[in-house]
Amino acid sequence: MIAAAAMHPESTSTAEDAIARLRRGDLEALELILPRYQLRLYCFLLRLVHEPAVAEDLFQQTWVRVIEKISRYGLTGLW
């Protein structure tokens, strides 16, 4: 991930901006953050539960929790 950020520093800046917007309550910023993590998170959850429907539910619950708790994390806390 660090190597990817080094190769594309603008993507890190964009993600940091989106996280800052999300921390201010701008839910539209999820459109910028979600694609960055959605495939990896969903695949991880699917490996844990082996049920696509359950993985989808957990995926949604995870993002709800991120939105609820985003103010507790610094910008580097999500990398």
PDB file of N, CA and C in Angstrom:
ATOM      1  N   MET A   1       0.827  -1.186   0.000  1.00  0.00           N
ATOM      2  CA  MET A   1       0.000   0.000   0.000  1.00  0.00           C
ATOM      3  C   MET A   1       0.871   1.249   0.000  1.00  0.00           C
ATOM      4  N   ILE A   2       1.954   1.229   0.771  1.00  0.00           N
ATOM      5  CA  ILE A   2       2.855   2.379   0.791  1.00  0.00           C
ATOM      6  C   ILE A   2       3.488   2.548  -0.572  1.00  0.00           C
ATOM      7  N   ALA A   3       3.878   1.436  -1.198  1.00  0.00           N
ATOM      8  CA  ALA A   3       4.466   1.519  -2.529  1.00  0.00           C
ATOM      9  C   ALA A   3       3.473   2.094  -3.519  1.00  0.00           C
ATOM     10  N   ALA A   4       2.225   1.696  -3.419  1.00  0.00           N
ATOM     11  CA  ALA A   4       1.201   2.231  -4.310  1.00  0.00           C
ATOM     12  C   ALA A   4       1.031   3.726  -4.104  1.00  0.00           C
ATOM     13  N   ALA A   5       1.085   4.168  -2.863  1.00  0.00           N
ATOM     14  CA  ALA A   5       0.965   5.596  -2.577  1.00  0.00           C
ATOM     15  C   ALA A   5       2.164   6.350  -3.104  1.00  0.00           C
ATOM     16  N   ALA A   6       3.334   5.731  -3.033  1.00  0.00           N
ATOM     17  CA  ALA A   6       4.523   6.387  -3.554  1.00  0.00           C
ATOM     18  C   ALA A   6       4.450   6.519  -5.063  1.00  0.00           C
ATOM     19  N   MET A   7       3.855   5.535  -5.711  1.00  0.00           N
ATOM     20  CA  MET A   7       3.722   5.574  -7.165  1.00  0.00           C
ATOM     21  C   MET A   7       2.639   6.549  -7.599  1.00  0.00           C
ATOM     22  N   HIS A   8       1.628   6.717  -6.781  1.00  0.00           N
ATOM     23  CA  HIS A   8       0.498   7.584  -7.096  1.00  0.00           C
ATOM     24  C   HIS A   8       0.203   8.493  -5.911  1.00  0.00           C
ATOM     25  N   PRO A   9       1.056   9.468  -5.648  1.00  0.00           N
ATOM     26  CA  PRO A   9       0.846  10.306  -4.465  1.00  0.00           C
ATOM     27  C   PRO A   9      -0.471  11.070  -4.488  1.00  0.00           C
ATOM     28  N   GLU A  10      -0.991  11.347  -5.691  1.00  0.00           N
ATOM     29  CA  GLU A  10      -2.264  12.060  -5.753  1.00  0.00           C
ATOM     30  C   GLU A  10      -3.408  11.219  -5.223  1.00  0.00           C
ATOM     31  N   SER A  11      -3.308   9.890  -5.325  1.00  0.00           N
ATOM     32  CA  SER A  11      -4.376   9.038  -4.801  1.00  0.00           C
ATOM     33  C   SER A  11      -4.411   9.101  -3.276  1.00  0.00           C
ATOM     34  N   THR A  12      -3.251   9.192  -2.635  1.00  0.00           N
ATOM     35  CA  THR A  12      -3.217   9.333  -1.184  1.00  0.00           C
ATOM     36  C   THR A  12      -3.810  10.668  -0.773  1.00  0.00           C
ATOM     37  N   SER A  13      -3.437  11.717  -1.500  1.00  0.00           N
ATOM     38  CA  SER A  13      -3.966  13.043  -1.202  1.00  0.00           C
ATOM     39  C   SER A  13      -5.479  13.068  -1.375  1.00  0.00           C
ATOM     40  N   THR A  14      -5.957  12.465  -2.437  1.00  0.00           N
ATOM     41  CA  THR A  14      -7.398  12.407  -2.681  1.00  0.00           C
ATOM     42  C   THR A  14      -8.098  11.628  -1.575  1.00  0.00           C
ATOM     43  N   ALA A  15      -7.518  10.509  -1.165  1.00  0.00           N
ATOM     44  CA  ALA A  15      -8.112   9.703  -0.097  1.00  0.00           C
ATOM     45  C   ALA A  15      -8.116  10.481   1.209  1.00  0.00           C
ATOM     46  N   GLU A  16      -7.020  11.173   1.515  1.00  0.00           N
ATOM     47  CA  GLU A  16      -6.964  11.966   2.741  1.00  0.00           C
ATOM     48  C   GLU A  16      -8.009  13.069   2.721  1.00  0.00           C
ATOM     49  N   ASP A  17      -8.167  13.712   1.573  1.00  0.00           N
ATOM     50  CA  ASP A  17      -9.197  14.744   1.441  1.00  0.00           C
ATOM     51  C   ASP A  17     -10.584  14.154   1.648  1.00  0.00           C
ATOM     52  N   ALA A  18     -10.814  12.979   1.060  1.00  0.00           N
ATOM     53  CA  ALA A  18     -12.122  12.335   1.194  1.00  0.00           C
ATOM     54  C   ALA A  18     -12.391  11.945   2.645  1.00  0.00           C
ATOM     55  N   ILE A  19     -11.373  11.452   3.330  1.00  0.00           N
ATOM     56  CA  ILE A  19     -11.544  11.079   4.735  1.00  0.00           C
ATOM     57  C   ILE A  19     -11.829  12.317   5.581  1.00  0.00           C
ATOM     58  N   ALA A  20     -11.120  13.395   5.295  1.00  0.00           N
ATOM     59  CA  ALA A  20     -11.374  14.648   6.020  1.00  0.00           C
ATOM     60  C   ALA A  20     -12.806  15.118   5.778  1.00  0.00           C
ATOM     61  N   ARG A  21     -13.279  14.994   4.544  1.00  0.00           N
ATOM     62  CA  ARG A  21     -14.668  15.376   4.240  1.00  0.00           C
ATOM     63  C   ARG A  21     -15.645  14.483   4.995  1.00  0.00           C
ATOM     64  N   LEU A  22     -15.356  13.196   5.030  1.00  0.00           N
ATOM     65  CA  LEU A  22     -16.226  12.259   5.735  1.00  0.00           C
ATOM     66  C   LEU A  22     -16.261  12.592   7.222  1.00  0.00           C
ATOM     67  N   ARG A  23     -15.132  12.956   7.776  1.00  0.00           N
ATOM     68  CA  ARG A  23     -15.081  13.327   9.199  1.00  0.00           C
ATOM     69  C   ARG A  23     -15.928  14.560   9.476  1.00  0.00           C
ATOM     70  N   ARG A  24     -16.093  15.411   8.477  1.00  0.00           N
ATOM     71  CA  ARG A  24     -16.937  16.610   8.631  1.00  0.00           C
ATOM     72  C   ARG A  24     -18.411  16.309   8.356  1.00  0.00           C
ATOM     73  N   GLY A  25     -18.716  15.056   8.036  1.00  0.00           N
ATOM     74  CA  GLY A  25     -20.104  14.675   7.824  1.00  0.00           C
ATOM     75  C   GLY A  25     -20.543  14.644   6.375  1.00  0.00           C
ATOM     76  N   ASP A  26     -19.615  14.799   5.444  1.00  0.00           N
ATOM     77  CA  ASP A  26     -19.934  14.788   4.018  1.00  0.00           C
ATOM     78  C   ASP A  26     -19.985  13.340   3.527  1.00  0.00           C
ATOM     79  N   LEU A  27     -21.170  12.754   3.506  1.00  0.00           N
ATOM     80  CA  LEU A  27     -21.325  11.352   3.128  1.00  0.00           C
ATOM     81  C   LEU A  27     -21.026  11.094   1.660  1.00  0.00           C
ATOM     82  N   GLU A  28     -21.055  12.130   0.836  1.00  0.00           N
ATOM     83  CA  GLU A  28     -20.703  11.953  -0.581  1.00  0.00           C
ATOM     84  C   GLU A  28     -19.236  11.555  -0.740  1.00  0.00           C
ATOM     85  N   ALA A  29     -18.421  11.828   0.268  1.00  0.00           N
ATOM     86  CA  ALA A  29     -17.002  11.453   0.222  1.00  0.00           C
ATOM     87  C   ALA A  29     -16.835   9.937   0.200  1.00  0.00           C
ATOM     88  N   LEU A  30     -17.846   9.201   0.623  1.00  0.00           N
ATOM     89  CA  LEU A  30     -17.768   7.737   0.555  1.00  0.00           C
ATOM     90  C   LEU A  30     -17.570   7.255  -0.870  1.00  0.00           C
ATOM     91  N   GLU A  31     -18.107   7.995  -1.833  1.00  0.00           N
ATOM     92  CA  GLU A  31     -17.946   7.615  -3.236  1.00  0.00           C
ATOM     93  C   GLU A  31     -16.481   7.610  -3.648  1.00  0.00           C
ATOM     94  N   LEU A  32     -15.664   8.378  -2.963  1.00  0.00           N
ATOM     95  CA  LEU A  32     -14.235   8.413  -3.253  1.00  0.00           C
ATOM     96  C   LEU A  32     -13.461   7.365  -2.466  1.00  0.00           C
ATOM     97  N   ILE A  33     -13.924   7.054  -1.276  1.00  0.00           N
ATOM     98  CA  ILE A  33     -13.210   6.122  -0.402  1.00  0.00           C
ATOM     99  C   ILE A  33     -13.593   4.673  -0.685  1.00  0.00           C
ATOM    100  N   LEU A  34     -14.857   4.422  -0.869  1.00  0.00           N
ATOM    101  CA  LEU A  34     -15.362   3.064  -1.005  1.00  0.00           C
ATOM    102  C   LEU A  34     -14.657   2.258  -2.100  1.00  0.00           C
ATOM    103  N   PRO A  35     -14.487   2.784  -3.300  1.00  0.00           N
ATOM    104  CA  PRO A  35     -13.832   1.974  -4.334  1.00  0.00           C
ATOM    105  C   PRO A  35     -12.410   1.542  -3.970  1.00  0.00           C
ATOM    106  N   ARG A  36     -11.749   2.339  -3.168  1.00  0.00           N
ATOM    107  CA  ARG A  36     -10.379   2.030  -2.769  1.00  0.00           C
ATOM    108  C   ARG A  36     -10.311   0.750  -1.926  1.00  0.00           C
ATOM    109  N   TYR A  37     -11.338   0.480  -1.140  1.00  0.00           N
ATOM    110  CA  TYR A  37     -11.311  -0.631  -0.195  1.00  0.00           C
ATOM    111  C   TYR A  37     -12.329  -1.731  -0.456  1.00  0.00           C
ATOM    112  N   GLN A  38     -13.321  -1.493  -1.300  1.00  0.00           N
ATOM    113  CA  GLN A  38     -14.454  -2.414  -1.347  1.00  0.00           C
ATOM    114  C   GLN A  38     -14.097  -3.829  -1.763  1.00  0.00           C
ATOM    115  N   LEU A  39     -13.288  -4.020  -2.774  1.00  0.00           N
ATOM    116  CA  LEU A  39     -12.987  -5.380  -3.213  1.00  0.00           C
ATOM    117  C   LEU A  39     -12.189  -6.141  -2.157  1.00  0.00           C
ATOM    118  N   ARG A  40     -11.169  -5.505  -1.597  1.00  0.00           N
ATOM    119  CA  ARG A  40     -10.354  -6.182  -0.583  1.00  0.00           C
ATOM    120  C   ARG A  40     -11.178  -6.525   0.648  1.00  0.00           C
ATOM    121  N   LEU A  41     -12.011  -5.593   1.090  1.00  0.00           N
ATOM    122  CA  LEU A  41     -12.816  -5.840   2.279  1.00  0.00           C
ATOM    123  C   LEU A  41     -13.832  -6.955   2.029  1.00  0.00           C
ATOM    124  N   TYR A  42     -14.522  -6.879   0.901  1.00  0.00           N
ATOM    125  CA  TYR A  42     -15.525  -7.906   0.613  1.00  0.00           C
ATOM    126  C   TYR A  42     -14.868  -9.288   0.507  1.00  0.00           C
ATOM    127  N   CYS A  43     -13.740  -9.377  -0.176  1.00  0.00           N
ATOM    128  CA  CYS A  43     -13.056 -10.673  -0.307  1.00  0.00           C
ATOM    129  C   CYS A  43     -12.605 -11.204   1.048  1.00  0.00           C
ATOM    130  N   PHE A  44     -12.106 -10.320   1.885  1.00  0.00           N
ATOM    131  CA  PHE A  44     -11.702 -10.717   3.235  1.00  0.00           C
ATOM    132  C   PHE A  44     -12.899 -11.278   4.008  1.00  0.00           C
ATOM    133  N   LEU A  45     -14.009 -10.550   3.972  1.00  0.00           N
ATOM    134  CA  LEU A  45     -15.201 -10.996   4.701  1.00  0.00           C
ATOM    135  C   LEU A  45     -15.740 -12.301   4.137  1.00  0.00           C
ATOM    136  N   LEU A  46     -15.711 -12.445   2.832  1.00  0.00           N
ATOM    137  CA  LEU A  46     -16.197 -13.676   2.211  1.00  0.00           C
ATOM    138  C   LEU A  46     -15.337 -14.869   2.623  1.00  0.00           C
ATOM    139  N   ARG A  47     -14.026 -14.671   2.719  1.00  0.00           N
ATOM    140  CA  ARG A  47     -13.157 -15.756   3.193  1.00  0.00           C
ATOM    141  C   ARG A  47     -13.471 -16.130   4.637  1.00  0.00           C
ATOM    142  N   LEU A  48     -13.881 -15.158   5.428  1.00  0.00           N
ATOM    143  CA  LEU A  48     -14.208 -15.446   6.832  1.00  0.00           C
ATOM    144  C   LEU A  48     -15.503 -16.226   6.979  1.00  0.00           C
ATOM    145  N   VAL A  49     -16.532 -15.837   6.229  1.00  0.00           N
ATOM    146  CA  VAL A  49     -17.864 -16.406   6.466  1.00  0.00           C
ATOM    147  C   VAL A  49     -18.321 -17.401   5.408  1.00  0.00           C
ATOM    148  N   HIS A  50     -17.696 -17.412   4.249  1.00  0.00           N
ATOM    149  CA  HIS A  50     -18.015 -18.366   3.175  1.00  0.00           C
ATOM    150  C   HIS A  50     -19.450 -18.290   2.669  1.00  0.00           C
ATOM    151  N   GLU A  51     -20.113 -17.192   2.920  1.00  0.00           N
ATOM    152  CA  GLU A  51     -21.495 -16.991   2.456  1.00  0.00           C
ATOM    153  C   GLU A  51     -21.601 -15.587   1.864  1.00  0.00           C
ATOM    154  N   PRO A  52     -21.836 -15.461   0.551  1.00  0.00           N
ATOM    155  CA  PRO A  52     -21.887 -14.137  -0.077  1.00  0.00           C
ATOM    156  C   PRO A  52     -22.887 -13.180   0.575  1.00  0.00           C
ATOM    157  N   ALA A  53     -24.060 -13.654   0.921  1.00  0.00           N
ATOM    158  CA  ALA A  53     -25.069 -12.774   1.519  1.00  0.00           C
ATOM    159  C   ALA A  53     -24.617 -12.254   2.884  1.00  0.00           C
ATOM    160  N   VAL A  54     -24.009 -13.120   3.659  1.00  0.00           N
ATOM    161  CA  VAL A  54     -23.517 -12.711   4.978  1.00  0.00           C
ATOM    162  C   VAL A  54     -22.354 -11.733   4.807  1.00  0.00           C
ATOM    163  N   ALA A  55     -21.464 -12.008   3.849  1.00  0.00           N
ATOM    164  CA  ALA A  55     -20.339 -11.107   3.586  1.00  0.00           C
ATOM    165  C   ALA A  55     -20.841  -9.725   3.165  1.00  0.00           C
ATOM    166  N   GLU A  56     -21.894  -9.683   2.347  1.00  0.00           N
ATOM    167  CA  GLU A  56     -22.465  -8.402   1.935  1.00  0.00           C
ATOM    168  C   GLU A  56     -23.038  -7.641   3.126  1.00  0.00           C
ATOM    169  N   ASP A  57     -23.735  -8.358   4.004  1.00  0.00           N
ATOM    170  CA  ASP A  57     -24.277  -7.715   5.209  1.00  0.00           C
ATOM    171  C   ASP A  57     -23.157  -7.154   6.086  1.00  0.00           C
ATOM    172  N   LEU A  58     -22.121  -7.949   6.280  1.00  0.00           N
ATOM    173  CA  LEU A  58     -20.991  -7.495   7.087  1.00  0.00           C
ATOM    174  C   LEU A  58     -20.276  -6.313   6.442  1.00  0.00           C
ATOM    175  N   PHE A  59     -20.188  -6.343   5.129  1.00  0.00           N
ATOM    176  CA  PHE A  59     -19.575  -5.245   4.386  1.00  0.00           C
ATOM    177  C   PHE A  59     -20.324  -3.939   4.660  1.00  0.00           C
ATOM    178  N   GLN A  60     -21.639  -4.005   4.553  1.00  0.00           N
ATOM    179  CA  GLN A  60     -22.452  -2.812   4.810  1.00  0.00           C
ATOM    180  C   GLN A  60     -22.335  -2.370   6.265  1.00  0.00           C
ATOM    181  N   GLN A  61     -22.367  -3.316   7.176  1.00  0.00           N
ATOM    182  CA  GLN A  61     -22.234  -2.977   8.594  1.00  0.00           C
ATOM    183  C   GLN A  61     -20.881  -2.340   8.883  1.00  0.00           C
ATOM    184  N   THR A  62     -19.850  -2.811   8.213  1.00  0.00           N
ATOM    185  CA  THR A  62     -18.512  -2.243   8.403  1.00  0.00           C
ATOM    186  C   THR A  62     -18.488  -0.785   7.998  1.00  0.00           C
ATOM    187  N   TRP A  63     -19.071  -0.459   6.848  1.00  0.00           N
ATOM    188  CA  TRP A  63     -19.051   0.932   6.382  1.00  0.00           C
ATOM    189  C   TRP A  63     -19.934   1.825   7.245  1.00  0.00           C
ATOM    190  N   VAL A  64     -21.026   1.277   7.760  1.00  0.00           N
ATOM    191  CA  VAL A  64     -21.847   2.057   8.701  1.00  0.00           C
ATOM    192  C   VAL A  64     -21.016   2.383   9.931  1.00  0.00           C
ATOM    193  N   ARG A  65     -20.268   1.410  10.423  1.00  0.00           N
ATOM    194  CA  ARG A  65     -19.424   1.627  11.598  1.00  0.00           C
ATOM    195  C   ARG A  65     -18.312   2.638  11.295  1.00  0.00           C
ATOM    196  N   VAL A  66     -17.739   2.563  10.115  1.00  0.00           N
ATOM    197  CA  VAL A  66     -16.715   3.548   9.730  1.00  0.00           C
ATOM    198  C   VAL A  66     -17.300   4.952   9.800  1.00  0.00           C
ATOM    199  N   ILE A  67     -18.480   5.125   9.251  1.00  0.00           N
ATOM    200  CA  ILE A  67     -19.121   6.444   9.261  1.00  0.00           C
ATOM    201  C   ILE A  67     -19.403   6.897  10.688  1.00  0.00           C
ATOM    202  N   GLU A  68     -19.898   5.972  11.502  1.00  0.00           N
ATOM    203  CA  GLU A  68     -20.213   6.320  12.889  1.00  0.00           C
ATOM    204  C   GLU A  68     -18.977   6.694  13.698  1.00  0.00           C
ATOM    205  N   LYS A  69     -17.871   6.034  13.447  1.00  0.00           N
ATOM    206  CA  LYS A  69     -16.683   6.165  14.295  1.00  0.00           C
ATOM    207  C   LYS A  69     -15.532   6.930  13.642  1.00  0.00           C
ATOM    208  N   ILE A  70     -15.737   7.519  12.480  1.00  0.00           N
ATOM    209  CA  ILE A  70     -14.651   8.147  11.740  1.00  0.00           C
ATOM    210  C   ILE A  70     -13.949   9.236  12.540  1.00  0.00           C
ATOM    211  N   SER A  71     -14.643   9.901  13.414  1.00  0.00           N
ATOM    212  CA  SER A  71     -14.014  10.986  14.177  1.00  0.00           C
ATOM    213  C   SER A  71     -12.985  10.463  15.179  1.00  0.00           C
ATOM    214  N   ARG A  72     -13.036   9.184  15.506  1.00  0.00           N
ATOM    215  CA  ARG A  72     -12.080   8.605  16.453  1.00  0.00           C
ATOM    216  C   ARG A  72     -10.730   8.301  15.827  1.00  0.00           C
ATOM    217  N   TYR A  73     -10.675   8.266  14.499  1.00  0.00           N
ATOM    218  CA  TYR A  73      -9.463   7.859  13.821  1.00  0.00           C
ATOM    219  C   TYR A  73      -8.782   9.047  13.173  1.00  0.00           C
ATOM    220  N   GLY A  74      -7.472   9.046  13.242  1.00  0.00           N
ATOM    221  CA  GLY A  74      -6.701  10.032  12.500  1.00  0.00           C
ATOM    222  C   GLY A  74      -6.657   9.631  11.046  1.00  0.00           C
ATOM    223  N   LEU A  75      -6.180  10.499  10.206  1.00  0.00           N
ATOM    224  CA  LEU A  75      -6.105  10.171   8.780  1.00  0.00           C
ATOM    225  C   LEU A  75      -5.241   8.951   8.523  1.00  0.00           C
ATOM    226  N   THR A  76      -4.203   8.757   9.300  1.00  0.00           N
ATOM    227  CA  THR A  76      -3.341   7.594   9.077  1.00  0.00           C
ATOM    228  C   THR A  76      -3.937   6.334   9.654  1.00  0.00           C
ATOM    229  N   GLY A  77      -4.996   6.427  10.465  1.00  0.00           N
ATOM    230  CA  GLY A  77      -5.599   5.259  11.088  1.00  0.00           C
ATOM    231  C   GLY A  77      -6.292   4.338  10.114  1.00  0.00           C
ATOM    232  N   LEU A  78      -6.582   4.804   8.912  1.00  0.00           N
ATOM    233  CA  LEU A  78      -7.274   3.955   7.933  1.00  0.00           C
ATOM    234  C   LEU A  78      -6.335   3.380   6.899  1.00  0.00           C
ATOM    235  N   TRP A  79      -5.086   3.661   6.981  1.00  0.00           N
ATOM    236  CA  TRP A  79      -4.153   3.128   5.970  1.00  0.00           C
ATOM    237  C   TRP A  79      -3.546   1.916   6.523  1.00  0.00           C
TER     238      TRP A  79
END
